[in-house]
Amino acid sequence: MPYIKQEDREYYDNIVTLFQLKLVTKKGFHNEIDMLVNHIRRLGDMAQDGHMNYFITKLLLQSNVLKLPYFVFQETEAVLRPVLLEVIIEVYSPPKYYRYNRAIGMLECCRLEFERRYNVKSVLAYNLLDKVILKFYKEIIGPYEDEKIEQNGDV
């Protein structure tokens, strides 16, 4: 898990609360996403990944992914997956291999830490993060890779 400084956690804890309210009311997340993305972008490359991991971990834990029955989690997942994808796309832009590699690494570490810490209970979080990784790769990184193959030639 990301162990960011205590003084940095309050911001994310508050924004997670805002995200939770939006999950309940089923309203748009645009203002919250903008606030989060702007905050994380200001941190610079060296801190962004840990802060993103903290936010995602806290959001999933606050969403009760360790306790929800699968059929209830499906509704939450359907909302969270596109929101997480949008945040990741915004934080790790503009397109660069360096940024995309960091994003995949951060997501994978987040996913593996859920598995390590919570074992079987984390199946829903693990699957959600797996779907985010695959969608990010297929829809964002894959086309970027194709563009670079066209520009620079294949391996």
N, C-alpha and C. Protein backbone atom coordinates (compact mmCIF):
# COMPACT_ATOMS: atom_id res chain seq x y z
N MET A 1 0.85 -1.18 0.00
CA MET A 1 0.00 0.00 0.00
C MET A 1 0.89 1.23 0.00
N PRO A 2 0.35 2.28 -0.45
CA PRO A 2 1.13 3.51 -0.45
C PRO A 2 1.11 4.13 0.94
N TYR A 3 2.26 4.40 1.43
CA TYR A 3 2.34 4.97 2.77
C TYR A 3 2.80 6.41 2.65
N ILE A 4 1.91 7.25 2.15
CA ILE A 4 2.24 8.65 2.01
C ILE A 4 2.19 9.30 3.40
N LYS A 5 2.80 10.46 3.52
CA LYS A 5 2.86 11.15 4.80
C LYS A 5 1.46 11.42 5.34
N GLN A 6 1.36 11.39 6.66
CA GLN A 6 0.07 11.62 7.32
C GLN A 6 -0.56 12.95 6.89
N GLU A 7 0.25 13.99 6.79
CA GLU A 7 -0.31 15.30 6.44
C GLU A 7 -0.85 15.36 5.01
N ASP A 8 -0.43 14.42 4.16
CA ASP A 8 -0.92 14.38 2.78
C ASP A 8 -2.22 13.59 2.65
N ARG A 9 -2.55 12.81 3.65
CA ARG A 9 -3.69 11.89 3.56
C ARG A 9 -5.04 12.59 3.67
N GLU A 10 -5.11 13.65 4.42
CA GLU A 10 -6.39 14.30 4.67
C GLU A 10 -7.07 14.73 3.36
N TYR A 11 -6.28 15.27 2.43
CA TYR A 11 -6.86 15.70 1.16
C TYR A 11 -7.55 14.52 0.47
N TYR A 12 -6.86 13.39 0.38
CA TYR A 12 -7.42 12.23 -0.32
C TYR A 12 -8.59 11.63 0.45
N ASP A 13 -8.49 11.62 1.75
CA ASP A 13 -9.60 11.09 2.56
C ASP A 13 -10.86 11.92 2.31
N ASN A 14 -10.69 13.24 2.23
CA ASN A 14 -11.84 14.12 1.96
C ASN A 14 -12.39 13.91 0.56
N ILE A 15 -11.51 13.77 -0.41
CA ILE A 15 -12.00 13.60 -1.79
C ILE A 15 -12.64 12.22 -1.97
N VAL A 16 -12.14 11.23 -1.25
CA VAL A 16 -12.77 9.90 -1.28
C VAL A 16 -14.18 10.01 -0.72
N THR A 17 -14.37 10.78 0.33
CA THR A 17 -15.71 11.00 0.89
C THR A 17 -16.62 11.62 -0.17
N LEU A 18 -16.11 12.60 -0.92
CA LEU A 18 -16.90 13.21 -2.00
C LEU A 18 -17.26 12.17 -3.07
N PHE A 19 -16.30 11.33 -3.42
CA PHE A 19 -16.55 10.27 -4.40
C PHE A 19 -17.62 9.31 -3.87
N GLN A 20 -17.56 8.98 -2.59
CA GLN A 20 -18.54 8.08 -2.00
C GLN A 20 -19.95 8.66 -2.07
N LEU A 21 -20.06 9.96 -1.80
CA LEU A 21 -21.37 10.62 -1.91
C LEU A 21 -21.90 10.53 -3.34
N LYS A 22 -21.01 10.70 -4.31
CA LYS A 22 -21.43 10.61 -5.71
C LYS A 22 -21.85 9.19 -6.07
N LEU A 23 -21.19 8.20 -5.48
CA LEU A 23 -21.59 6.80 -5.72
C LEU A 23 -23.00 6.55 -5.22
N VAL A 24 -23.32 7.11 -4.08
CA VAL A 24 -24.64 6.92 -3.49
C VAL A 24 -25.71 7.67 -4.29
N THR A 25 -25.40 8.91 -4.65
CA THR A 25 -26.39 9.74 -5.34
C THR A 25 -26.40 9.49 -6.85
N LYS A 26 -25.38 8.77 -7.33
CA LYS A 26 -25.24 8.46 -8.77
C LYS A 26 -25.17 9.73 -9.62
N LYS A 27 -24.48 10.73 -9.12
CA LYS A 27 -24.28 11.98 -9.87
C LYS A 27 -22.89 11.97 -10.46
N GLY A 28 -22.64 12.90 -11.38
CA GLY A 28 -21.36 12.97 -12.07
C GLY A 28 -20.19 13.27 -11.15
N PHE A 29 -19.02 12.84 -11.57
CA PHE A 29 -17.80 12.98 -10.79
C PHE A 29 -16.86 14.06 -11.34
N HIS A 30 -17.31 14.85 -12.30
CA HIS A 30 -16.41 15.73 -13.03
C HIS A 30 -15.66 16.72 -12.15
N ASN A 31 -16.34 17.38 -11.23
CA ASN A 31 -15.66 18.35 -10.36
C ASN A 31 -14.63 17.66 -9.48
N GLU A 32 -14.98 16.51 -8.93
CA GLU A 32 -14.08 15.79 -8.06
C GLU A 32 -12.87 15.27 -8.83
N ILE A 33 -13.11 14.79 -10.03
CA ILE A 33 -12.01 14.31 -10.87
C ILE A 33 -11.07 15.46 -11.19
N ASP A 34 -11.61 16.61 -11.57
CA ASP A 34 -10.76 17.77 -11.87
C ASP A 34 -9.94 18.19 -10.66
N MET A 35 -10.57 18.24 -9.48
CA MET A 35 -9.85 18.62 -8.26
C MET A 35 -8.71 17.63 -7.98
N LEU A 36 -9.00 16.35 -8.08
CA LEU A 36 -8.01 15.32 -7.80
C LEU A 36 -6.86 15.38 -8.80
N VAL A 37 -7.19 15.44 -10.07
CA VAL A 37 -6.17 15.45 -11.12
C VAL A 37 -5.26 16.68 -10.97
N ASN A 38 -5.84 17.83 -10.77
CA ASN A 38 -5.04 19.05 -10.61
C ASN A 38 -4.12 18.95 -9.39
N HIS A 39 -4.63 18.39 -8.31
CA HIS A 39 -3.82 18.23 -7.10
C HIS A 39 -2.64 17.29 -7.36
N ILE A 40 -2.90 16.15 -7.95
CA ILE A 40 -1.84 15.16 -8.17
C ILE A 40 -0.84 15.64 -9.21
N ARG A 41 -1.28 16.30 -10.23
CA ARG A 41 -0.35 16.82 -11.25
C ARG A 41 0.66 17.80 -10.66
N ARG A 42 0.23 18.58 -9.67
CA ARG A 42 1.13 19.56 -9.06
C ARG A 42 2.26 18.90 -8.28
N LEU A 43 2.12 17.64 -7.93
CA LEU A 43 3.10 16.95 -7.11
C LEU A 43 4.40 16.65 -7.85
N GLY A 44 4.32 16.49 -9.16
CA GLY A 44 5.49 16.08 -9.92
C GLY A 44 5.61 14.57 -9.99
N ASP A 45 6.39 14.11 -10.94
CA ASP A 45 6.51 12.69 -11.24
C ASP A 45 6.92 11.82 -10.06
N MET A 46 7.80 12.31 -9.22
CA MET A 46 8.34 11.48 -8.14
C MET A 46 7.30 11.12 -7.07
N ALA A 47 6.26 11.92 -6.93
CA ALA A 47 5.28 11.68 -5.87
C ALA A 47 3.93 11.19 -6.40
N GLN A 48 3.66 11.38 -7.68
CA GLN A 48 2.34 11.11 -8.22
C GLN A 48 1.89 9.67 -8.03
N ASP A 49 2.76 8.73 -8.28
CA ASP A 49 2.35 7.33 -8.25
C ASP A 49 1.92 6.88 -6.86
N GLY A 50 2.66 7.26 -5.84
CA GLY A 50 2.29 6.90 -4.47
C GLY A 50 0.97 7.53 -4.06
N HIS A 51 0.77 8.78 -4.47
CA HIS A 51 -0.47 9.46 -4.12
C HIS A 51 -1.66 8.86 -4.88
N MET A 52 -1.44 8.49 -6.13
CA MET A 52 -2.50 7.82 -6.90
C MET A 52 -2.85 6.49 -6.26
N ASN A 53 -1.83 5.74 -5.87
CA ASN A 53 -2.05 4.44 -5.25
C ASN A 53 -2.82 4.62 -3.94
N TYR A 54 -2.47 5.62 -3.15
CA TYR A 54 -3.18 5.88 -1.90
C TYR A 54 -4.65 6.18 -2.19
N PHE A 55 -4.89 7.06 -3.15
CA PHE A 55 -6.26 7.43 -3.49
C PHE A 55 -7.07 6.20 -3.91
N ILE A 56 -6.53 5.41 -4.81
CA ILE A 56 -7.25 4.24 -5.32
C ILE A 56 -7.50 3.23 -4.20
N THR A 57 -6.48 2.97 -3.41
CA THR A 57 -6.62 2.02 -2.29
C THR A 57 -7.68 2.50 -1.32
N LYS A 58 -7.62 3.76 -0.95
CA LYS A 58 -8.58 4.31 0.01
C LYS A 58 -10.00 4.28 -0.57
N LEU A 59 -10.13 4.63 -1.86
CA LEU A 59 -11.45 4.61 -2.50
C LEU A 59 -12.04 3.21 -2.50
N LEU A 60 -11.23 2.22 -2.84
CA LEU A 60 -11.73 0.84 -2.87
C LEU A 60 -12.07 0.34 -1.47
N LEU A 61 -11.23 0.66 -0.50
CA LEU A 61 -11.53 0.24 0.87
C LEU A 61 -12.80 0.92 1.39
N GLN A 62 -12.96 2.21 1.12
CA GLN A 62 -14.15 2.94 1.55
C GLN A 62 -15.39 2.46 0.81
N SER A 63 -15.21 1.87 -0.37
CA SER A 63 -16.33 1.34 -1.15
C SER A 63 -16.70 -0.07 -0.68
N ASN A 64 -16.04 -0.53 0.35
CA ASN A 64 -16.32 -1.84 0.97
C ASN A 64 -16.08 -3.02 0.04
N VAL A 65 -15.07 -2.91 -0.82
CA VAL A 65 -14.83 -4.01 -1.75
C VAL A 65 -14.44 -5.31 -1.05
N LEU A 66 -14.04 -5.22 0.21
CA LEU A 66 -13.67 -6.44 0.94
C LEU A 66 -14.88 -7.11 1.58
N LYS A 67 -16.02 -6.42 1.58
CA LYS A 67 -17.20 -6.94 2.29
C LYS A 67 -18.43 -7.12 1.41
N LEU A 68 -18.48 -6.43 0.29
CA LEU A 68 -19.70 -6.46 -0.52
C LEU A 68 -19.93 -7.81 -1.18
N PRO A 69 -21.18 -8.27 -1.22
CA PRO A 69 -21.48 -9.45 -2.04
C PRO A 69 -21.28 -9.09 -3.51
N TYR A 70 -20.96 -10.07 -4.30
CA TYR A 70 -20.61 -9.83 -5.70
C TYR A 70 -21.68 -9.06 -6.46
N PHE A 71 -22.94 -9.44 -6.33
CA PHE A 71 -24.00 -8.79 -7.10
C PHE A 71 -24.15 -7.32 -6.75
N VAL A 72 -23.85 -6.94 -5.50
CA VAL A 72 -23.90 -5.53 -5.10
C VAL A 72 -22.67 -4.81 -5.64
N PHE A 73 -21.53 -5.49 -5.58
CA PHE A 73 -20.28 -4.88 -6.05
C PHE A 73 -20.34 -4.57 -7.54
N GLN A 74 -21.05 -5.36 -8.31
CA GLN A 74 -21.14 -5.12 -9.76
C GLN A 74 -21.62 -3.71 -10.06
N GLU A 75 -22.58 -3.22 -9.30
CA GLU A 75 -23.08 -1.85 -9.51
C GLU A 75 -21.99 -0.83 -9.19
N THR A 76 -21.29 -1.04 -8.09
CA THR A 76 -20.22 -0.13 -7.70
C THR A 76 -19.10 -0.17 -8.73
N GLU A 77 -18.74 -1.35 -9.17
CA GLU A 77 -17.68 -1.51 -10.16
C GLU A 77 -18.04 -0.81 -11.46
N ALA A 78 -19.28 -0.91 -11.87
CA ALA A 78 -19.71 -0.28 -13.12
C ALA A 78 -19.53 1.24 -13.08
N VAL A 79 -19.61 1.82 -11.90
CA VAL A 79 -19.41 3.26 -11.75
C VAL A 79 -17.92 3.57 -11.56
N LEU A 80 -17.24 2.80 -10.72
CA LEU A 80 -15.85 3.09 -10.39
C LEU A 80 -14.88 2.89 -11.55
N ARG A 81 -15.10 1.85 -12.34
CA ARG A 81 -14.15 1.54 -13.41
C ARG A 81 -13.94 2.71 -14.36
N PRO A 82 -14.98 3.32 -14.94
CA PRO A 82 -14.74 4.45 -15.83
C PRO A 82 -14.19 5.68 -15.12
N VAL A 83 -14.56 5.86 -13.85
CA VAL A 83 -14.04 7.00 -13.09
C VAL A 83 -12.54 6.83 -12.87
N LEU A 84 -12.12 5.65 -12.44
CA LEU A 84 -10.69 5.40 -12.24
C LEU A 84 -9.92 5.54 -13.54
N LEU A 85 -10.49 5.03 -14.61
CA LEU A 85 -9.83 5.14 -15.91
C LEU A 85 -9.66 6.60 -16.32
N GLU A 86 -10.68 7.40 -16.11
CA GLU A 86 -10.60 8.82 -16.46
C GLU A 86 -9.53 9.53 -15.63
N VAL A 87 -9.48 9.24 -14.35
CA VAL A 87 -8.46 9.86 -13.48
C VAL A 87 -7.07 9.47 -13.97
N ILE A 88 -6.86 8.21 -14.25
CA ILE A 88 -5.55 7.72 -14.69
C ILE A 88 -5.15 8.36 -16.01
N ILE A 89 -6.06 8.42 -16.95
CA ILE A 89 -5.77 9.04 -18.25
C ILE A 89 -5.37 10.50 -18.06
N GLU A 90 -6.08 11.21 -17.21
CA GLU A 90 -5.79 12.63 -17.00
C GLU A 90 -4.48 12.85 -16.25
N VAL A 91 -4.23 12.07 -15.22
CA VAL A 91 -3.00 12.26 -14.44
C VAL A 91 -1.78 11.91 -15.28
N TYR A 92 -1.87 10.85 -16.05
CA TYR A 92 -0.71 10.37 -16.80
C TYR A 92 -0.73 10.84 -18.25
N SER A 93 -1.09 12.07 -18.45
CA SER A 93 -1.05 12.66 -19.78
C SER A 93 -0.13 13.87 -19.74
N PRO A 94 0.35 14.33 -20.86
CA PRO A 94 0.12 13.87 -22.23
C PRO A 94 0.83 12.53 -22.49
N PRO A 95 0.44 11.87 -23.58
CA PRO A 95 0.97 10.54 -23.88
C PRO A 95 2.50 10.51 -23.97
N LYS A 96 3.07 9.62 -23.21
CA LYS A 96 4.51 9.33 -23.24
C LYS A 96 4.68 7.92 -22.70
N TYR A 97 5.59 7.16 -23.25
CA TYR A 97 5.84 5.80 -22.75
C TYR A 97 6.16 5.84 -21.26
N TYR A 98 6.97 6.79 -20.85
CA TYR A 98 7.37 6.94 -19.44
C TYR A 98 6.14 7.04 -18.53
N ARG A 99 5.19 7.85 -18.91
CA ARG A 99 3.99 8.05 -18.08
C ARG A 99 3.11 6.79 -18.07
N TYR A 100 2.94 6.19 -19.24
CA TYR A 100 2.10 5.00 -19.32
C TYR A 100 2.71 3.83 -18.54
N ASN A 101 4.02 3.71 -18.61
CA ASN A 101 4.71 2.66 -17.87
C ASN A 101 4.52 2.87 -16.37
N ARG A 102 4.60 4.10 -15.92
CA ARG A 102 4.38 4.41 -14.51
C ARG A 102 2.94 4.09 -14.10
N ALA A 103 1.99 4.43 -14.94
CA ALA A 103 0.58 4.18 -14.62
C ALA A 103 0.31 2.69 -14.47
N ILE A 104 0.79 1.89 -15.40
CA ILE A 104 0.59 0.44 -15.32
C ILE A 104 1.29 -0.12 -14.08
N GLY A 105 2.48 0.35 -13.79
CA GLY A 105 3.21 -0.10 -12.60
C GLY A 105 2.47 0.24 -11.32
N MET A 106 1.94 1.45 -11.24
CA MET A 106 1.19 1.88 -10.06
C MET A 106 -0.05 1.01 -9.89
N LEU A 107 -0.79 0.79 -10.97
CA LEU A 107 -2.01 -0.02 -10.89
C LEU A 107 -1.69 -1.46 -10.50
N GLU A 108 -0.65 -1.99 -11.08
CA GLU A 108 -0.26 -3.38 -10.78
C GLU A 108 0.17 -3.51 -9.32
N CYS A 109 0.93 -2.56 -8.81
CA CYS A 109 1.33 -2.60 -7.39
C CYS A 109 0.11 -2.50 -6.49
N CYS A 110 -0.82 -1.66 -6.84
CA CYS A 110 -2.05 -1.52 -6.07
C CYS A 110 -2.81 -2.84 -6.06
N ARG A 111 -2.94 -3.45 -7.21
CA ARG A 111 -3.66 -4.72 -7.34
C ARG A 111 -2.98 -5.83 -6.56
N LEU A 112 -1.66 -5.94 -6.68
CA LEU A 112 -0.92 -7.00 -5.99
C LEU A 112 -0.92 -6.81 -4.48
N GLU A 113 -0.91 -5.56 -4.04
CA GLU A 113 -0.94 -5.31 -2.60
C GLU A 113 -2.30 -5.70 -2.00
N PHE A 114 -3.38 -5.49 -2.76
CA PHE A 114 -4.68 -5.97 -2.29
C PHE A 114 -4.65 -7.48 -2.14
N GLU A 115 -4.08 -8.16 -3.11
CA GLU A 115 -4.00 -9.61 -3.04
C GLU A 115 -3.14 -10.05 -1.86
N ARG A 116 -2.00 -9.41 -1.68
CA ARG A 116 -1.09 -9.78 -0.59
C ARG A 116 -1.72 -9.54 0.79
N ARG A 117 -2.34 -8.39 0.94
CA ARG A 117 -2.86 -8.00 2.27
C ARG A 117 -4.19 -8.67 2.61
N TYR A 118 -5.03 -8.85 1.62
CA TYR A 118 -6.40 -9.29 1.92
C TYR A 118 -6.75 -10.64 1.33
N ASN A 119 -5.84 -11.24 0.57
CA ASN A 119 -5.99 -12.57 0.01
C ASN A 119 -7.35 -12.76 -0.67
N VAL A 120 -8.11 -13.75 -0.28
CA VAL A 120 -9.36 -14.08 -0.95
C VAL A 120 -10.37 -12.94 -0.88
N LYS A 121 -10.38 -12.20 0.22
CA LYS A 121 -11.34 -11.12 0.38
C LYS A 121 -11.18 -10.03 -0.67
N SER A 122 -10.02 -9.97 -1.29
CA SER A 122 -9.75 -8.87 -2.22
C SER A 122 -10.09 -9.20 -3.67
N VAL A 123 -10.74 -10.31 -3.92
CA VAL A 123 -11.01 -10.73 -5.30
C VAL A 123 -11.70 -9.63 -6.09
N LEU A 124 -12.66 -8.96 -5.51
CA LEU A 124 -13.38 -7.92 -6.24
C LEU A 124 -12.47 -6.74 -6.58
N ALA A 125 -11.67 -6.31 -5.62
CA ALA A 125 -10.73 -5.21 -5.88
C ALA A 125 -9.71 -5.64 -6.93
N TYR A 126 -9.20 -6.85 -6.81
CA TYR A 126 -8.22 -7.37 -7.76
C TYR A 126 -8.82 -7.39 -9.17
N ASN A 127 -10.04 -7.90 -9.29
CA ASN A 127 -10.69 -7.97 -10.60
C ASN A 127 -10.99 -6.59 -11.17
N LEU A 128 -11.42 -5.67 -10.32
CA LEU A 128 -11.69 -4.31 -10.77
C LEU A 128 -10.42 -3.67 -11.30
N LEU A 129 -9.33 -3.78 -10.55
CA LEU A 129 -8.07 -3.18 -10.99
C LEU A 129 -7.56 -3.87 -12.25
N ASP A 130 -7.76 -5.17 -12.35
CA ASP A 130 -7.37 -5.89 -13.55
C ASP A 130 -8.12 -5.36 -14.77
N LYS A 131 -9.40 -5.11 -14.62
CA LYS A 131 -10.20 -4.57 -15.72
C LYS A 131 -9.77 -3.16 -16.10
N VAL A 132 -9.41 -2.36 -15.10
CA VAL A 132 -8.92 -1.00 -15.38
C VAL A 132 -7.61 -1.08 -16.15
N ILE A 133 -6.71 -1.95 -15.70
CA ILE A 133 -5.41 -2.10 -16.39
C ILE A 133 -5.62 -2.52 -17.84
N LEU A 134 -6.46 -3.54 -18.05
CA LEU A 134 -6.68 -4.04 -19.41
C LEU A 134 -7.34 -2.99 -20.32
N LYS A 135 -8.30 -2.29 -19.78
CA LYS A 135 -8.98 -1.26 -20.58
C LYS A 135 -8.02 -0.12 -20.90
N PHE A 136 -7.24 0.31 -19.93
CA PHE A 136 -6.25 1.36 -20.14
C PHE A 136 -5.25 0.93 -21.21
N TYR A 137 -4.81 -0.32 -21.13
CA TYR A 137 -3.84 -0.80 -22.11
C TYR A 137 -4.45 -0.90 -23.51
N LYS A 138 -5.63 -1.50 -23.59
CA LYS A 138 -6.25 -1.69 -24.91
C LYS A 138 -6.68 -0.39 -25.56
N GLU A 139 -7.25 0.53 -24.78
CA GLU A 139 -7.83 1.73 -25.37
C GLU A 139 -6.88 2.92 -25.44
N ILE A 140 -5.89 2.96 -24.58
CA ILE A 140 -4.99 4.12 -24.54
C ILE A 140 -3.57 3.74 -24.97
N ILE A 141 -2.98 2.77 -24.30
CA ILE A 141 -1.59 2.42 -24.60
C ILE A 141 -1.46 1.71 -25.93
N GLY A 142 -2.35 0.77 -26.22
CA GLY A 142 -2.27 0.05 -27.50
C GLY A 142 -2.26 0.97 -28.71
N PRO A 143 -3.22 1.88 -28.84
CA PRO A 143 -3.19 2.82 -29.96
C PRO A 143 -1.93 3.70 -29.97
N TYR A 144 -1.46 4.08 -28.80
CA TYR A 144 -0.21 4.86 -28.71
C TYR A 144 0.96 4.03 -29.25
N GLU A 145 1.02 2.75 -28.86
CA GLU A 145 2.07 1.86 -29.36
C GLU A 145 1.98 1.72 -30.88
N ASP A 146 0.76 1.57 -31.40
CA ASP A 146 0.59 1.46 -32.85
C ASP A 146 1.09 2.71 -33.58
N GLU A 147 0.80 3.87 -33.00
CA GLU A 147 1.27 5.14 -33.56
C GLU A 147 2.80 5.19 -33.59
N LYS A 148 3.42 4.74 -32.52
CA LYS A 148 4.89 4.75 -32.45
C LYS A 148 5.50 3.73 -33.41
N ILE A 149 4.83 2.61 -33.61
CA ILE A 149 5.31 1.63 -34.60
C ILE A 149 5.29 2.26 -35.97
N GLU A 150 4.20 2.96 -36.27
CA GLU A 150 4.09 3.63 -37.57
C GLU A 150 5.16 4.71 -37.75
N GLN A 151 5.42 5.47 -36.70
CA GLN A 151 6.41 6.54 -36.76
C GLN A 151 7.86 6.01 -36.84
N ASN A 152 8.14 4.98 -36.04
CA ASN A 152 9.54 4.56 -35.86
C ASN A 152 9.88 3.18 -36.39
N GLY A 153 8.87 2.45 -36.87
CA GLY A 153 9.08 1.09 -37.32
C GLY A 153 8.94 0.10 -36.17
N ASP A 154 8.61 -1.12 -36.52
CA ASP A 154 8.38 -2.15 -35.52
C ASP A 154 9.71 -2.65 -34.97
N VAL A 155 9.64 -3.39 -33.89
CA VAL A 155 10.84 -3.95 -33.24
C VAL A 155 11.51 -4.93 -34.18
